[in-house]
Amino acid sequence: MQTVLSKLLTYIFVIIIYLFIYAIIRMIFLDIRTMYRKKAGGLADAYLKLINLRHELDFAVDESYEISDNEVIGRGKKCDISIADKYLSTKNSRIFKSSGKFYLEDLDSTNGTYLNGEALSDKAVELLDGDKISVGRTNFLFVLPAKSE
């Protein structure tokens, strides 16, 4: 009886190890795929990378969202980045590009937009690579891909 139980536990342990390795490889693959995602024949100008774990959220959200010249984030179906988070306003915030730089502004949302933990005021704020954007219960990392020569 002990040998059967010992073999069973060994198989369970091996399966858990394989599942762990699979999860790590999948996460690396998704990050690499996101970095090299193409948009209109070239690299995206910038993108938002989800920080939250998707399985902990009770709504659908993508791993990343490409940012071009003007993107509205909100719960509304007509938003460029539509997220069904009940803590988002219909039009929560906007990321736009001006003079080659990206800016974030809150669109008078109920729960606000946060940049690196600070609530945004009425004015647009310049985004830098690695900034953390929080809208509703969703947290993103703003990424500016390195431009290849």
Protein backbone atom coordinates (compact mmCIF):
# COMPACT_ATOMS: atom_id res chain seq x y z
CA MET A 1 0.00 0.00 0.00
CA GLN A 2 2.84 2.38 0.83
CA THR A 3 4.58 1.82 -2.49
CA VAL A 4 1.37 2.55 -4.42
CA LEU A 5 0.82 5.75 -2.46
CA SER A 6 4.46 6.72 -2.88
CA LYS A 7 4.30 6.23 -6.67
CA LEU A 8 1.04 8.18 -6.88
CA LEU A 9 2.52 11.12 -4.97
CA THR A 10 5.61 11.00 -7.18
CA TYR A 11 3.47 11.23 -10.33
CA ILE A 12 1.43 14.08 -8.87
CA PHE A 13 4.61 15.95 -7.96
CA VAL A 14 6.05 15.49 -11.48
CA ILE A 15 2.80 16.74 -13.04
CA ILE A 16 2.85 19.83 -10.81
CA ILE A 17 6.44 20.56 -11.84
CA TYR A 18 5.54 20.24 -15.55
CA LEU A 19 2.54 22.57 -15.09
CA PHE A 20 4.76 25.11 -13.36
CA ILE A 21 7.34 24.98 -16.16
CA TYR A 22 4.54 25.30 -18.74
CA ALA A 23 3.16 28.40 -16.97
CA ILE A 24 6.59 30.06 -16.93
CA ILE A 25 7.25 29.32 -20.61
CA ARG A 26 3.78 30.59 -21.55
CA MET A 27 4.33 33.82 -19.61
CA ILE A 28 7.69 34.39 -21.34
CA PHE A 29 6.12 33.69 -24.73
CA LEU A 30 3.29 36.17 -24.12
CA ASP A 31 5.75 38.87 -23.08
CA ILE A 32 7.94 38.32 -26.13
CA ARG A 33 4.92 38.26 -28.45
CA THR A 34 3.65 41.49 -26.94
CA MET A 35 6.99 43.21 -27.43
CA TYR A 36 7.12 42.36 -31.13
CA ARG A 37 3.47 42.83 -32.00
CA LYS A 38 3.15 44.54 -35.35
CA LYS A 39 0.83 47.41 -36.11
CA ALA A 40 0.33 48.81 -39.62
CA GLY A 41 3.57 47.35 -40.91
CA GLY A 42 5.75 48.46 -38.00
CA LEU A 43 6.11 48.36 -34.26
CA ALA A 44 3.38 50.03 -32.25
CA ASP A 45 4.26 53.51 -31.00
CA ALA A 46 3.59 52.36 -27.43
CA TYR A 47 1.46 49.87 -25.55
CA LEU A 48 -0.13 49.18 -22.19
CA LYS A 49 0.94 45.92 -20.52
CA LEU A 50 -1.47 44.46 -17.97
CA ILE A 51 0.04 44.16 -14.48
CA ASN A 52 -2.92 42.43 -12.81
CA LEU A 53 -3.31 38.68 -13.00
CA ARG A 54 -6.17 38.12 -15.43
CA HIS A 55 -7.66 35.21 -13.51
CA GLU A 56 -8.11 37.45 -10.44
CA LEU A 57 -10.36 39.87 -12.36
CA ASP A 58 -14.06 39.14 -12.87
CA PHE A 59 -14.11 40.77 -16.32
CA ALA A 60 -12.32 40.22 -19.62
CA VAL A 61 -9.13 42.18 -20.25
CA ASP A 62 -6.31 41.69 -22.76
CA GLU A 63 -2.66 41.21 -21.79
CA SER A 64 -1.75 44.35 -23.72
CA TYR A 65 -3.23 47.21 -25.71
CA GLU A 66 -1.43 49.06 -28.48
CA ILE A 67 -1.41 52.85 -28.26
CA SER A 68 -1.33 54.96 -31.40
CA ASP A 69 -2.18 58.67 -31.57
CA ASN A 70 -5.36 58.83 -29.49
CA GLU A 71 -6.90 56.09 -27.34
CA VAL A 72 -9.87 56.45 -24.98
CA ILE A 73 -10.02 54.00 -22.07
CA GLY A 74 -13.37 53.22 -20.50
CA ARG A 75 -16.27 50.89 -19.96
CA GLY A 76 -18.19 52.09 -23.02
CA LYS A 77 -18.38 49.90 -26.11
CA LYS A 78 -17.27 52.82 -28.32
CA CYS A 79 -14.00 53.31 -26.41
CA ASP A 80 -10.76 52.36 -28.13
CA ILE A 81 -9.80 50.31 -25.07
CA SER A 82 -13.06 48.95 -23.71
CA ILE A 83 -12.84 47.16 -20.35
CA ALA A 84 -16.00 45.89 -18.62
CA ASP A 85 -14.83 46.95 -15.15
CA LYS A 86 -17.76 48.33 -13.14
CA TYR A 87 -15.37 50.79 -11.46
CA LEU A 88 -14.55 52.48 -14.79
CA SER A 89 -16.55 55.37 -16.19
CA THR A 90 -18.00 55.09 -19.68
CA LYS A 91 -15.12 57.28 -20.84
CA ASN A 92 -12.55 57.15 -18.06
CA SER A 93 -9.29 58.49 -19.47
CA ARG A 94 -7.43 59.23 -22.67
CA ILE A 95 -3.89 58.65 -23.89
CA PHE A 96 -2.86 60.85 -26.77
CA LYS A 97 0.28 61.72 -28.69
CA SER A 98 1.40 65.31 -29.21
CA SER A 99 4.78 66.47 -30.57
CA GLY A 100 6.12 62.92 -30.39
CA LYS A 101 5.29 62.49 -26.68
CA PHE A 102 2.45 60.60 -25.04
CA TYR A 103 0.12 62.19 -22.50
CA LEU A 104 -2.51 60.82 -20.11
CA GLU A 105 -5.59 62.75 -19.03
CA ASP A 106 -8.59 61.92 -16.89
CA LEU A 107 -11.95 62.52 -18.58
CA ASP A 108 -13.79 63.58 -15.39
CA SER A 109 -14.20 59.97 -14.34
CA THR A 110 -15.98 59.04 -11.13
CA ASN A 111 -13.16 56.97 -9.59
CA GLY A 112 -10.28 58.85 -11.22
CA THR A 113 -7.17 57.87 -13.10
CA TYR A 114 -3.89 57.26 -11.29
CA LEU A 115 -0.36 57.65 -12.61
CA ASN A 116 2.31 56.01 -10.43
CA GLY A 117 -0.11 56.03 -7.49
CA GLU A 118 -0.99 59.74 -7.78
CA ALA A 119 -4.46 60.88 -8.84
CA LEU A 120 -4.47 62.96 -12.02
CA SER A 121 -5.74 66.52 -11.89
CA ASP A 122 -7.52 68.32 -14.72
CA LYS A 123 -4.36 68.66 -16.82
CA ALA A 124 -2.79 66.04 -19.07
CA VAL A 125 0.47 64.53 -17.79
CA GLU A 126 3.36 63.30 -19.94
CA LEU A 127 3.87 59.53 -19.89
CA LEU A 128 7.30 58.00 -19.57
CA ASP A 129 8.41 54.45 -20.26
CA GLY A 130 7.61 52.29 -17.24
CA ASP A 131 4.86 54.49 -15.78
CA LYS A 132 2.10 52.65 -13.91
CA ILE A 133 -1.44 53.61 -14.94
CA SER A 134 -4.37 52.57 -12.74
CA VAL A 135 -7.98 52.82 -13.93
CA GLY A 136 -10.73 51.12 -11.94
CA ARG A 137 -9.34 47.82 -10.67
CA THR A 138 -6.98 47.49 -13.63
CA ASN A 139 -3.28 48.37 -13.53
CA PHE A 140 -1.14 48.82 -16.63
CA LEU A 141 2.51 49.47 -17.35
CA PHE A 142 3.10 52.04 -20.09
CA VAL A 143 5.80 50.78 -22.48
CA LEU A 144 7.63 52.65 -25.19
CA PRO A 145 9.38 50.05 -27.38
CA ALA A 146 12.97 50.78 -28.34
CA LYS A 147 13.10 52.06 -31.90
CA SER A 148 15.45 50.06 -34.10
CA GLU A 149 17.56 51.99 -36.58
